[in-house]
Amino acid sequence: MANDKGKRGMKKAEGKMKPRQNKAREQPASVSATVEAVVDTMTPEMKERMAKYERTHGKAAGKRVKSSRLRNALGKADKFAREAAETAARAEMLLTEEAGYLEAEGMEKTFKFTQRAISDHLDITNQKKIFSLKLDTFGPYAMDYTRNGRHMLIGGRRGHVATFDWRAGKLGCELNLNETVRDVCWLHNETMFAAAQKKHVYIYDHTGMEIHCLKKHGNVNQLEFLPYHFLLVSVNDTGYLKYQDTSTGQLIAEIGTGLGNCNAMTQNPYNAVMHLGHANGAVTLWSPNVTTPLVKIQCHKGPVSAISVNSSGHYMATAGLDGQLKIWDIRKFAAVHEYYTPKPATSLDISQRDLLAVGYGTNVTIWKDALQTKQASPYMNHQMPRDVVHDVRFCPYDDVLGYGHSNGISSIVVPGSGEPNFDSYTANPYQTTKQRREAEVHALLEKVQPDLIMLEPNFIGRVEKKPQALLDHERLEALNEAHHEKKEVRNRKRGRNSATRRQIRRVKKNIVDERRLVIEDRLAREKEERAKRRQAAEHGEQEQEPGALDKFYAFKNKRARGR
């Protein structure tokens, strides 16, 4: 009976194990094979669209990984990335709006079109976007737009600060601070903004109530806000760069640049690296994780007056008091184009569609395709008599350029400057109060840590594509070289630090004079004499003792050489 029960139990166990074996056989060999099968069924047009959104290369890296668990994890990550790219490519068909530009006919030039001529061909809604506010008492004005382009913030140098919904013409709040305001900046949305006042940086809410006073930020010249990190960045007149976390209130970093007063600062939207322009003509790139600049570029012969980076993070525009406007490729840190401005530019800004706005004197010039190719003439030109430009800003998701000047603020229409199709998960110009609150909560939950700010943000999580055998070979070669270097014995010669040799080292190597030749001749003779004595000692010859008349013979030879 006991044997029968044991056999029945073994049969039951075998029956239980069979379905598991069948399940394992039904699973696909790998996730990457499934992804390849899906990609092969796509049309060439869909593959071309997907190429714009692909960001990972997990398939190529996963094939060289020996661990099956890691290989499957990389395959799943690659699958999710490809699905996201495919979804974005399919959603592109729903983006029906296209960017339109000014087009000239015949001998006409687009930079000769005035705002009045453009306004005559616009509808009533777009005509209202061309306006000017005369505020000549508190100027010049700095300004800023929210990320969705719906609200505007202005700050006068003499203490006038105001916020309003510029499309609806609805005033948010208005303050007269009765002290100097150097710069203003929106925070994560239109409910809070920061103002760099005479001594400290203050944070206000949408009603104009003071919330915080950041006393550690003193004498600030420029302000910037990193939306994905919730970091308020400031630089003051002594060159100190400070990062303040607005979600926790902590001072993340305080870095001394050591380059003095700084009046030009902007952020790179691609990697959140700060670009600072200094009085010696250099531009430095900073991260809160290091106390030294990531990159230092000598851009101009004089002080840098303005700086701007495009949305892709590939190009940077700088202007200096030397009258030069330069376009830089950040990927190779080299200048690609140079332009000349009649007066030194005071402000620069690059739109979402890579239009470059340059403010100098009483003029605002807009350049089209100036980042990739050298342009012979500007796209648009706008001139304001008696109004000196102080700050220029493109409005996101709209063909509008706002600029602050000595007598107030103005807004003009620039066709083709704004992105026509917006992403409601990133910035929604038509969001409601409920959507704004939900977006704020999601942004806090998805906040990026300051430790991840670096030149190459995709470096973390990247897999080394070289084979393991090659990596081991390179590591072994490096160890051997280090071992040989340690074993090298330095051949120290006698008389290395003698007075004669010190005198030679003082004289530059590229200068040949009579004194140097005399010293070198003396050293050569001493070397020959030492060699002769060494040879005589090796052959066992005894050195003859000097006679009584040898000194007269040596003196005679010395005088003969001197002649």
Protein backbone atom coordinates (compact mmCIF):
# COMPACT_ATOMS: atom_id res chain seq x y z
CA MET A 1 0.00 0.00 0.00
CA ALA A 2 2.81 2.34 0.84
CA ASN A 3 4.41 1.72 -2.55
CA ASP A 4 1.11 2.39 -4.37
CA LYS A 5 0.67 5.71 -2.55
CA GLY A 6 4.21 6.71 -3.45
CA LYS A 7 3.62 5.92 -7.13
CA ARG A 8 0.36 7.90 -7.13
CA GLY A 9 2.16 10.90 -5.57
CA MET A 10 4.91 10.75 -8.19
CA LYS A 11 2.31 10.62 -10.99
CA LYS A 12 0.54 13.67 -9.54
CA ALA A 13 3.84 15.57 -9.29
CA GLU A 14 4.68 14.69 -12.91
CA GLY A 15 1.25 15.90 -14.00
CA LYS A 16 1.77 19.18 -12.20
CA MET A 17 5.16 19.75 -13.78
CA LYS A 18 3.99 19.19 -17.38
CA PRO A 19 1.95 22.40 -17.80
CA ARG A 20 4.90 24.48 -16.55
CA GLN A 21 7.16 22.96 -19.19
CA ASN A 22 4.60 23.73 -21.88
CA LYS A 23 4.31 27.31 -20.65
CA ALA A 24 8.06 27.80 -20.85
CA ARG A 25 8.04 26.49 -24.43
CA GLU A 26 5.28 28.90 -25.42
CA GLN A 27 7.29 31.98 -24.31
CA PRO A 28 9.22 33.85 -27.00
CA ALA A 29 12.96 33.39 -27.22
CA SER A 30 13.67 37.04 -26.33
CA VAL A 31 11.97 40.41 -26.11
CA SER A 32 14.29 41.93 -28.72
CA ALA A 33 13.14 39.34 -31.29
CA THR A 34 9.53 40.44 -30.77
CA VAL A 35 10.50 44.09 -31.18
CA GLU A 36 12.37 43.33 -34.40
CA ALA A 37 9.33 41.48 -35.77
CA VAL A 38 7.08 44.49 -35.05
CA VAL A 39 9.54 46.94 -36.63
CA ASP A 40 9.85 44.82 -39.79
CA THR A 41 6.10 45.12 -40.42
CA MET A 42 6.18 48.96 -40.42
CA THR A 43 6.09 51.07 -43.53
CA PRO A 44 9.19 53.08 -44.52
CA GLU A 45 7.32 56.31 -43.75
CA MET A 46 6.58 55.15 -40.20
CA LYS A 47 10.20 54.08 -39.70
CA GLU A 48 11.37 57.52 -40.80
CA ARG A 49 9.04 59.18 -38.30
CA MET A 50 10.15 56.85 -35.53
CA ALA A 51 13.79 57.72 -36.14
CA LYS A 52 13.13 61.25 -34.82
CA TYR A 53 11.87 59.97 -31.46
CA GLU A 54 14.17 56.99 -30.79
CA ARG A 55 16.56 57.56 -27.88
CA THR A 56 17.88 54.14 -26.86
CA HIS A 57 20.10 51.49 -28.40
CA GLY A 58 19.33 48.63 -26.03
CA LYS A 59 19.10 45.98 -28.76
CA ALA A 60 22.70 46.44 -29.90
CA ALA A 61 24.03 46.59 -26.36
CA GLY A 62 21.94 43.68 -25.04
CA LYS A 63 23.37 41.13 -27.47
CA ARG A 64 26.81 41.34 -25.83
CA VAL A 65 25.53 40.91 -22.27
CA LYS A 66 26.14 37.41 -20.86
CA SER A 67 23.67 37.66 -17.97
CA SER A 68 20.24 36.51 -19.13
CA ARG A 69 18.46 38.59 -16.50
CA LEU A 70 20.22 41.81 -17.50
CA ARG A 71 19.75 40.99 -21.20
CA ASN A 72 15.98 40.57 -20.72
CA ALA A 73 15.78 43.81 -18.70
CA LEU A 74 17.57 45.72 -21.47
CA GLY A 75 15.28 44.15 -24.04
CA LYS A 76 12.18 45.24 -22.12
CA ALA A 77 13.51 48.79 -21.76
CA ASP A 78 14.23 48.87 -25.48
CA LYS A 79 10.73 47.59 -26.20
CA PHE A 80 9.12 50.30 -24.08
CA ALA A 81 11.25 52.99 -25.74
CA ARG A 82 10.29 51.78 -29.21
CA GLU A 83 6.62 51.67 -28.26
CA ALA A 84 6.86 55.26 -27.02
CA ALA A 85 8.58 56.32 -30.26
CA GLU A 86 5.92 54.54 -32.31
CA THR A 87 3.13 56.22 -30.34
CA ALA A 88 4.75 59.65 -30.85
CA ALA A 89 5.17 58.95 -34.57
CA ARG A 90 1.52 57.92 -34.92
CA ALA A 91 0.38 60.97 -32.94
CA GLU A 92 2.29 63.20 -35.35
CA MET A 93 -0.44 62.61 -37.92
CA LEU A 94 -2.86 64.46 -35.60
CA LEU A 95 -0.68 67.59 -35.52
CA THR A 96 -2.31 69.52 -38.31
CA GLU A 97 -0.88 72.97 -37.55
CA GLU A 98 2.15 74.15 -39.49
CA ALA A 99 4.52 77.04 -38.90
CA GLY A 100 4.10 79.87 -41.40
CA TYR A 101 6.72 82.45 -42.33
CA LEU A 102 6.79 85.72 -44.19
CA GLU A 103 7.30 85.30 -47.92
CA ALA A 104 8.38 88.14 -50.21
CA GLU A 105 7.40 88.46 -53.85
CA GLY A 106 9.68 89.68 -56.60
CA MET A 107 12.21 92.26 -55.41
CA GLU A 108 10.66 92.63 -51.96
CA LYS A 109 12.59 91.82 -48.79
CA THR A 110 10.98 90.45 -45.66
CA PHE A 111 13.07 92.64 -43.33
CA LYS A 112 11.44 95.73 -44.89
CA PHE A 113 7.94 94.70 -43.77
CA THR A 114 6.73 96.88 -40.90
CA GLN A 115 4.38 95.83 -38.12
CA ARG A 116 1.71 98.17 -39.50
CA ALA A 117 1.86 96.46 -42.90
CA ILE A 118 1.69 93.02 -41.26
CA SER A 119 -1.23 94.09 -39.04
CA ASP A 120 -3.33 95.03 -42.07
CA HIS A 121 -3.32 91.37 -43.18
CA LEU A 122 -4.10 89.83 -39.77
CA ASP A 123 -7.40 88.96 -38.16
CA ILE A 124 -8.70 90.82 -35.11
CA THR A 125 -7.37 88.26 -32.62
CA ASN A 126 -3.78 88.47 -33.90
CA GLN A 127 -3.95 92.24 -34.32
CA LYS A 128 -4.41 92.54 -30.54
CA LYS A 129 -1.03 90.86 -30.05
CA ILE A 130 0.69 94.01 -31.35
CA PHE A 131 0.64 96.50 -28.50
CA SER A 132 2.86 98.79 -26.44
CA LEU A 133 2.63 99.93 -22.81
CA LYS A 134 4.18 103.31 -22.06
CA LEU A 135 5.81 103.15 -18.62
CA ASP A 136 8.54 105.74 -18.93
CA THR A 137 8.74 106.44 -15.17
CA PHE A 138 10.11 103.10 -13.96
CA GLY A 139 12.14 101.77 -16.93
CA PRO A 140 14.08 100.02 -18.33
CA TYR A 141 12.05 96.83 -18.04
CA ALA A 142 12.95 93.14 -17.84
CA MET A 143 10.29 90.57 -18.72
CA ASP A 144 9.50 86.87 -18.73
CA TYR A 145 6.79 84.50 -20.05
CA THR A 146 5.44 81.39 -18.38
CA ARG A 147 6.27 78.02 -19.94
CA ASN A 148 2.87 77.86 -21.66
CA GLY A 149 3.16 81.45 -22.90
CA ARG A 150 -0.09 82.60 -21.32
CA HIS A 151 1.13 85.01 -18.62
CA MET A 152 3.68 87.82 -18.70
CA LEU A 153 5.86 89.18 -15.89
CA ILE A 154 7.51 92.60 -16.11
CA GLY A 155 9.91 94.33 -13.74
CA GLY A 156 11.12 97.93 -13.96
CA ARG A 157 14.57 98.90 -12.76
CA ARG A 158 13.04 101.49 -10.41
CA GLY A 159 10.78 99.05 -8.57
CA HIS A 160 7.64 98.51 -10.66
CA VAL A 161 6.57 94.84 -10.93
CA ALA A 162 3.37 93.54 -12.57
CA THR A 163 1.88 90.27 -13.82
CA PHE A 164 -1.02 89.84 -16.24
CA ASP A 165 -2.68 87.52 -18.71
CA TRP A 166 -1.51 89.34 -21.80
CA ARG A 167 -3.88 87.57 -24.19
CA ALA A 168 -7.01 88.41 -22.21
CA GLY A 169 -5.63 91.76 -21.02
CA LYS A 170 -6.35 90.82 -17.38
CA LEU A 171 -4.06 92.25 -14.67
CA GLY A 172 -2.85 89.76 -12.06
CA CYS A 173 -1.03 91.96 -9.53
CA GLU A 174 0.96 95.18 -9.49
CA LEU A 175 3.64 96.21 -7.00
CA ASN A 176 5.69 99.34 -6.38
CA LEU A 177 8.67 98.11 -4.37
CA ASN A 178 10.44 101.49 -4.14
CA GLU A 179 13.86 99.91 -4.68
CA THR A 180 15.98 98.62 -7.53
CA VAL A 181 14.76 95.52 -9.39
CA ARG A 182 17.45 94.01 -11.60
CA ASP A 183 15.64 90.91 -12.91
CA VAL A 184 12.35 88.98 -12.62
CA CYS A 185 11.59 85.33 -13.25
CA TRP A 186 8.56 83.01 -13.16
CA LEU A 187 8.83 79.87 -11.07
CA HIS A 188 7.13 76.53 -11.92
CA ASN A 189 3.84 78.22 -12.99
CA GLU A 190 1.99 81.55 -12.89
CA THR A 191 1.22 81.31 -9.15
CA MET A 192 4.73 82.31 -7.99
CA PHE A 193 7.51 84.55 -9.25
CA ALA A 194 10.89 85.82 -8.04
CA ALA A 195 12.37 89.32 -8.16
CA ALA A 196 16.04 90.22 -7.75
CA GLN A 197 15.84 93.41 -5.73
CA LYS A 198 18.49 95.75 -4.37
CA LYS A 199 19.88 93.50 -1.61
CA HIS A 200 18.07 90.13 -1.70
CA VAL A 201 15.83 87.92 -3.84
CA TYR A 202 12.13 87.92 -2.91
CA ILE A 203 9.43 85.43 -3.90
CA TYR A 204 5.82 86.58 -4.37
CA ASP A 205 2.56 84.78 -5.12
CA HIS A 206 0.02 85.66 -7.84
CA THR A 207 -1.70 88.20 -5.56
CA GLY A 208 1.52 90.15 -4.92
CA MET A 209 2.02 88.88 -1.35
CA GLU A 210 5.61 88.35 -0.23
CA ILE A 211 6.22 84.66 0.58
CA HIS A 212 9.98 84.35 1.10
CA CYS A 213 13.08 86.48 1.37
CA LEU A 214 16.22 84.65 0.22
CA LYS A 215 18.86 86.54 2.18
CA LYS A 216 21.67 84.26 1.00
CA HIS A 217 21.13 85.59 -2.54
CA GLY A 218 22.56 89.10 -2.29
CA ASN A 219 23.12 91.75 -4.98
CA VAL A 220 21.80 89.43 -7.69
CA ASN A 221 22.11 90.44 -11.35
CA GLN A 222 20.42 87.53 -13.18
CA LEU A 223 17.79 84.89 -12.33
CA GLU A 224 16.90 81.57 -13.99
CA PHE A 225 14.52 78.76 -13.02
CA LEU A 226 15.03 75.08 -13.89
CA PRO A 227 11.45 73.69 -14.15
CA TYR A 228 12.27 69.97 -14.03
CA HIS A 229 14.57 70.33 -11.00
CA PHE A 230 12.64 73.09 -9.13
CA LEU A 231 15.86 75.08 -8.80
CA LEU A 232 16.11 78.86 -8.70
CA VAL A 233 19.55 79.91 -9.96
CA SER A 234 21.10 83.33 -9.35
CA VAL A 235 24.43 85.02 -10.03
CA ASN A 236 25.51 88.22 -8.28
CA ASP A 237 27.94 91.07 -8.86
CA THR A 238 30.80 89.22 -7.14
CA GLY A 239 30.49 86.15 -9.39
CA TYR A 240 28.81 83.75 -6.95
CA LEU A 241 26.45 81.20 -8.53
CA LYS A 242 23.76 79.82 -6.19
CA TYR A 243 21.15 77.07 -6.56
CA GLN A 244 18.03 77.20 -4.35
CA ASP A 245 15.50 74.33 -4.25
CA THR A 246 12.08 76.01 -4.24
CA SER A 247 10.24 72.80 -3.28
CA THR A 248 12.21 72.18 -0.05
CA GLY A 249 13.77 75.61 0.58
CA GLN A 250 17.32 74.25 0.77
CA LEU A 251 20.37 75.95 -0.69
CA ILE A 252 21.76 73.21 -2.93
CA ALA A 253 25.04 74.79 -4.00
CA GLU A 254 27.02 78.00 -3.67
CA ILE A 255 29.88 78.27 -6.15
CA GLY A 256 32.37 81.07 -6.59
CA THR A 257 33.24 81.49 -10.26
CA GLY A 258 36.30 83.62 -9.51
CA LEU A 259 35.69 85.71 -12.64
CA GLY A 260 34.09 88.80 -11.10
CA ASN A 261 30.85 90.52 -12.02
CA CYS A 262 28.49 88.53 -14.29
CA ASN A 263 25.64 90.15 -16.24
CA ALA A 264 24.79 87.39 -18.73
CA MET A 265 23.31 84.02 -17.77
CA THR A 266 21.03 81.46 -19.38
CA GLN A 267 20.20 77.78 -19.09
CA ASN A 268 20.56 74.96 -21.57
CA PRO A 269 17.05 73.41 -21.85
CA TYR A 270 18.54 70.07 -22.91
CA ASN A 271 20.72 69.30 -19.88
CA ALA A 272 19.97 72.14 -17.37
CA VAL A 273 23.61 73.32 -17.45
CA MET A 274 24.03 77.03 -16.73
CA HIS A 275 25.92 79.23 -19.22
CA LEU A 276 27.58 82.34 -17.76
CA GLY A 277 29.18 85.20 -19.71
CA HIS A 278 31.98 87.10 -17.97
CA ALA A 279 33.77 90.41 -18.28
CA ASN A 280 36.95 88.84 -19.71
CA GLY A 281 35.04 87.54 -22.76
CA ALA A 282 34.80 83.94 -21.52
CA VAL A 283 31.69 81.76 -21.29
CA THR A 284 31.66 79.07 -18.61
CA LEU A 285 29.33 76.08 -18.18
CA TRP A 286 28.34 75.10 -14.63
CA SER A 287 26.67 72.28 -12.75
CA PRO A 288 25.75 72.29 -9.02
CA ASN A 289 27.74 69.07 -8.52
CA VAL A 290 31.22 70.52 -9.18
CA THR A 291 33.00 73.66 -7.99
CA THR A 292 34.90 74.21 -11.23
CA PRO A 293 33.44 75.00 -14.67
CA LEU A 294 32.58 72.02 -16.84
CA VAL A 295 33.73 73.92 -19.94
CA LYS A 296 35.38 77.31 -20.41
CA ILE A 297 35.29 78.97 -23.83
CA GLN A 298 36.97 82.23 -24.80
CA CYS A 299 34.23 83.73 -26.97
CA HIS A 300 34.93 87.47 -27.27
CA LYS A 301 37.72 89.99 -26.92
CA GLY A 302 35.58 92.13 -24.59
CA PRO A 303 32.90 91.51 -21.94
CA VAL A 304 30.02 89.19 -22.85
CA SER A 305 26.79 91.22 -22.89
CA ALA A 306 24.17 88.58 -23.83
CA ILE A 307 23.88 84.82 -24.26
CA SER A 308 21.17 82.37 -25.37
CA VAL A 309 20.83 78.61 -26.10
CA ASN A 310 18.29 77.00 -28.43
CA SER A 311 15.71 74.44 -27.25
CA SER A 312 17.63 71.40 -28.59
CA GLY A 313 20.76 72.43 -26.69
CA HIS A 314 23.01 72.18 -29.75
CA TYR A 315 23.65 75.85 -30.55
CA MET A 316 24.57 78.86 -28.45
CA ALA A 317 24.51 82.54 -29.44
CA THR A 318 26.76 85.06 -27.70
CA ALA A 319 27.17 88.82 -28.05
CA GLY A 320 29.94 91.00 -26.68
CA LEU A 321 30.90 94.62 -26.33
CA ASP A 322 33.35 94.07 -29.19
CA GLY A 323 30.36 94.29 -31.58
CA GLN A 324 30.46 90.63 -32.56
CA LEU A 325 27.58 88.13 -32.58
CA LYS A 326 28.80 84.52 -32.68
CA ILE A 327 27.01 81.21 -33.12
CA TRP A 328 28.61 78.24 -31.35
CA ASP A 329 28.10 74.51 -31.78
CA ILE A 330 28.03 73.21 -28.19
CA ARG A 331 28.61 69.62 -29.33
CA LYS A 332 32.16 70.49 -30.44
CA PHE A 333 32.57 73.86 -28.64
CA ALA A 334 33.53 75.72 -31.79
CA ALA A 335 32.26 78.87 -33.49
CA VAL A 336 30.36 78.16 -36.71
CA HIS A 337 29.18 81.65 -37.76
CA GLU A 338 29.98 85.25 -36.91
CA TYR A 339 27.87 88.36 -37.42
CA TYR A 340 28.43 92.06 -36.85
CA THR A 341 26.04 94.35 -34.95
CA PRO A 342 26.19 98.13 -35.48
CA LYS A 343 25.98 98.55 -31.69
CA PRO A 344 26.79 96.00 -28.97
CA ALA A 345 23.78 93.73 -28.43
CA THR A 346 22.10 94.01 -25.01
CA SER A 347 19.86 90.94 -25.24
CA LEU A 348 19.49 87.69 -27.22
CA ASP A 349 16.79 85.05 -27.40
CA ILE A 350 16.16 81.96 -29.54
CA SER A 351 12.60 80.84 -30.26
CA GLN A 352 11.18 77.32 -30.32
CA ARG A 353 11.60 77.30 -34.12
CA ASP A 354 15.23 78.55 -33.89
CA LEU A 355 14.61 82.17 -34.84
CA LEU A 356 17.24 84.43 -33.28
CA ALA A 357 16.21 87.84 -31.86
CA VAL A 358 18.93 90.44 -31.30
CA GLY A 359 18.26 93.65 -29.40
CA TYR A 360 20.73 96.51 -29.78
CA GLY A 361 20.20 100.24 -29.38
CA THR A 362 16.70 101.10 -30.62
CA ASN A 363 16.50 98.09 -32.97
CA VAL A 364 15.29 94.51 -32.73
CA THR A 365 16.53 92.21 -35.52
CA ILE A 366 15.22 88.68 -36.11
CA TRP A 367 17.31 86.14 -38.03
CA LYS A 368 15.93 82.99 -39.64
CA ASP A 369 18.06 79.83 -40.08
CA ALA A 370 21.02 81.75 -38.68
CA LEU A 371 22.16 78.85 -36.48
CA GLN A 372 22.79 76.28 -39.22
CA THR A 373 23.88 78.48 -42.15
CA LYS A 374 25.39 81.94 -42.55
CA GLN A 375 22.71 84.45 -43.56
CA ALA A 376 23.32 87.55 -45.68
CA SER A 377 20.29 89.53 -44.45
CA PRO A 378 17.92 89.35 -41.45
CA TYR A 379 14.42 87.89 -41.52
CA MET A 380 12.72 90.89 -39.86
CA ASN A 381 13.75 94.25 -38.49
CA HIS A 382 11.85 96.47 -36.06
CA GLN A 383 12.93 99.94 -35.02
CA MET A 384 11.59 102.10 -32.18
CA PRO A 385 12.75 105.72 -31.98
CA ARG A 386 13.71 106.90 -28.48
CA ASP A 387 13.21 103.40 -26.96
CA VAL A 388 16.47 101.66 -26.01
CA VAL A 389 16.01 97.88 -25.92
CA HIS A 390 16.82 96.18 -22.62
CA ASP A 391 15.39 92.63 -22.83
CA VAL A 392 13.86 90.50 -25.63
CA ARG A 393 11.78 87.33 -25.13
CA PHE A 394 9.92 85.03 -27.50
CA CYS A 395 6.50 83.88 -26.34
CA PRO A 396 6.22 80.05 -26.28
CA TYR A 397 3.61 78.47 -28.59
CA ASP A 398 2.81 81.80 -30.26
CA ASP A 399 4.28 83.97 -33.03
CA VAL A 400 4.97 86.86 -30.67
CA LEU A 401 8.12 88.62 -29.51
CA GLY A 402 7.99 90.78 -26.39
CA TYR A 403 10.72 93.23 -25.46
CA GLY A 404 11.29 95.59 -22.57
CA HIS A 405 12.82 98.99 -23.22
CA SER A 406 13.54 102.25 -21.46
CA ASN A 407 9.95 103.54 -21.87
CA GLY A 408 7.95 100.38 -21.05
CA ILE A 409 7.23 97.13 -22.88
CA SER A 410 6.07 96.26 -26.40
CA SER A 411 4.90 93.20 -28.30
CA ILE A 412 5.26 92.47 -32.02
CA VAL A 413 4.21 89.63 -34.30
CA VAL A 414 6.96 87.40 -35.72
CA PRO A 415 5.42 84.78 -38.07
CA GLY A 416 6.93 81.31 -37.61
CA SER A 417 8.62 81.88 -34.25
CA GLY A 418 6.38 79.73 -32.02
CA GLU A 419 5.76 75.99 -32.00
CA PRO A 420 2.32 75.46 -33.62
CA ASN A 421 1.59 72.10 -31.90
CA PHE A 422 1.85 71.99 -28.11
CA ASP A 423 2.13 69.01 -25.78
CA SER A 424 -0.49 69.34 -23.06
CA TYR A 425 1.56 67.14 -20.69
CA THR A 426 4.50 69.56 -20.91
CA ALA A 427 2.86 72.98 -21.24
CA ASN A 428 -0.81 73.61 -21.95
CA PRO A 429 -1.71 77.20 -22.95
CA TYR A 430 -5.41 76.44 -22.35
CA GLN A 431 -5.15 74.59 -19.04
CA THR A 432 -7.80 75.03 -16.36
CA THR A 433 -7.24 75.50 -12.65
CA LYS A 434 -7.77 71.80 -12.00
CA GLN A 435 -5.31 70.82 -14.72
CA ARG A 436 -2.75 73.27 -13.35
CA ARG A 437 -2.97 71.72 -9.86
CA GLU A 438 -2.63 68.21 -11.23
CA ALA A 439 0.35 69.22 -13.34
CA GLU A 440 2.01 70.78 -10.27
CA VAL A 441 1.60 67.56 -8.26
CA HIS A 442 2.96 65.42 -11.11
CA ALA A 443 5.94 67.77 -11.53
CA LEU A 444 6.81 67.46 -7.84
CA LEU A 445 6.54 63.67 -7.94
CA GLU A 446 8.72 63.50 -11.07
CA LYS A 447 11.26 66.09 -9.92
CA VAL A 448 14.78 65.44 -11.22
CA GLN A 449 17.53 65.49 -8.62
CA PRO A 450 20.32 68.09 -8.96
CA ASP A 451 22.92 65.28 -8.98
CA LEU A 452 21.80 64.36 -12.49
CA ILE A 453 22.75 67.72 -14.04
CA MET A 454 25.67 67.04 -16.40
CA LEU A 455 26.83 67.79 -19.92
CA GLU A 456 25.58 64.44 -21.27
CA PRO A 457 22.29 63.59 -19.48
CA ASN A 458 21.99 60.23 -21.25
CA PHE A 459 25.28 58.99 -19.81
CA ILE A 460 23.61 57.36 -16.79
CA GLY A 461 22.25 53.94 -17.70
CA ARG A 462 24.35 53.65 -20.84
CA VAL A 463 25.88 50.23 -21.48
CA GLU A 464 29.46 49.88 -22.70
CA LYS A 465 29.23 48.47 -26.23
CA LYS A 466 32.81 47.16 -26.44
CA PRO A 467 33.29 43.39 -26.03
CA GLN A 468 34.47 42.22 -22.65
CA ALA A 469 37.64 40.71 -24.13
CA LEU A 470 38.64 44.09 -25.59
CA LEU A 471 37.93 45.85 -22.30
CA ASP A 472 40.08 43.31 -20.41
CA HIS A 473 42.90 43.74 -22.92
CA GLU A 474 42.83 47.55 -22.59
CA ARG A 475 42.78 47.30 -18.79
CA LEU A 476 45.76 44.91 -18.83
CA GLU A 477 47.75 47.23 -21.11
CA ALA A 478 47.06 50.18 -18.82
CA LEU A 479 48.29 48.19 -15.80
CA ASN A 480 51.48 47.13 -17.61
CA GLU A 481 52.26 50.70 -18.64
CA ALA A 482 51.75 51.92 -15.08
CA HIS A 483 54.02 49.11 -13.79
CA HIS A 484 56.83 50.00 -16.22
CA GLU A 485 56.56 53.67 -15.39
CA LYS A 486 57.06 52.93 -11.70
CA LYS A 487 60.18 50.83 -12.39
CA GLU A 488 61.93 53.55 -14.40
CA VAL A 489 65.01 54.86 -12.57
CA ARG A 490 65.84 58.45 -13.13
CA ASN A 491 69.47 58.97 -14.20
CA ARG A 492 70.60 61.85 -12.04
CA LYS A 493 73.89 63.32 -13.22
CA ARG A 494 76.46 64.96 -11.05
CA GLY A 495 76.50 68.69 -11.18
CA ARG A 496 72.84 68.82 -12.17
CA ASN A 497 72.20 71.80 -9.91
CA SER A 498 75.50 73.61 -10.28
CA ALA A 499 75.71 77.38 -10.58
CA THR A 500 76.65 77.17 -14.27
CA ARG A 501 73.65 75.05 -15.17
CA ARG A 502 71.31 77.27 -13.14
CA GLN A 503 72.59 80.21 -15.17
CA ILE A 504 71.78 78.35 -18.41
CA ARG A 505 68.27 77.52 -17.24
CA ARG A 506 67.64 81.20 -16.46
CA VAL A 507 68.36 82.12 -20.08
CA LYS A 508 65.58 81.26 -22.51
CA LYS A 509 66.30 78.41 -24.91
CA ASN A 510 65.40 80.41 -28.00
CA ILE A 511 67.87 83.24 -27.18
CA VAL A 512 71.48 82.80 -28.26
CA ASP A 513 74.05 85.31 -27.00
CA GLU A 514 77.83 85.39 -26.47
CA ARG A 515 77.60 84.66 -22.76
CA ARG A 516 75.56 81.54 -23.37
CA LEU A 517 78.05 80.27 -25.93
CA VAL A 518 80.94 80.78 -23.49
CA ILE A 519 79.11 78.88 -20.74
CA GLU A 520 78.24 76.01 -23.07
CA ASP A 521 81.86 75.81 -24.29
CA ARG A 522 83.09 75.60 -20.68
CA LEU A 523 80.63 72.81 -19.88
CA ALA A 524 81.71 70.86 -22.99
CA ARG A 525 85.40 71.08 -21.98
CA GLU A 526 84.64 69.94 -18.45
CA LYS A 527 82.68 67.01 -19.84
CA GLU A 528 85.58 66.00 -22.12
CA GLU A 529 88.05 66.17 -19.26
CA ARG A 530 85.84 63.97 -17.07
CA ALA A 531 85.54 61.43 -19.91
CA LYS A 532 89.34 61.31 -20.35
CA ARG A 533 89.91 60.78 -16.64
CA ARG A 534 87.31 58.00 -16.60
CA GLN A 535 89.01 56.22 -19.55
CA ALA A 536 92.42 56.53 -17.92
CA ALA A 537 91.08 55.03 -14.72
CA GLU A 538 89.56 52.10 -16.61
CA HIS A 539 92.86 51.29 -18.41
CA GLY A 540 94.87 51.56 -15.21
CA GLU A 541 96.86 54.59 -16.32
CA GLN A 542 97.98 56.89 -13.56
CA GLU A 543 97.14 60.51 -13.91
CA GLN A 544 100.24 62.68 -14.24
CA GLU A 545 100.71 65.17 -11.50
CA PRO A 546 100.69 68.80 -12.68
CA GLY A 547 104.10 70.37 -13.05
CA ALA A 548 105.28 73.75 -11.96
CA LEU A 549 104.78 75.37 -15.40
CA ASP A 550 101.39 73.73 -16.26
CA LYS A 551 99.37 76.62 -14.87
CA PHE A 552 101.10 79.05 -17.26
CA TYR A 553 100.31 76.74 -20.18
CA ALA A 554 96.60 76.56 -19.18
CA PHE A 555 96.47 80.36 -18.82
CA LYS A 556 97.98 80.77 -22.30
CA ASN A 557 95.43 78.43 -23.89
CA LYS A 558 92.58 80.23 -22.12
CA ARG A 559 93.71 83.61 -23.52
CA ALA A 560 94.01 82.11 -26.98
CA ARG A 561 90.43 80.81 -26.85
CA GLY A 562 89.15 84.16 -25.62
CA ARG A 563 90.68 85.87 -28.69
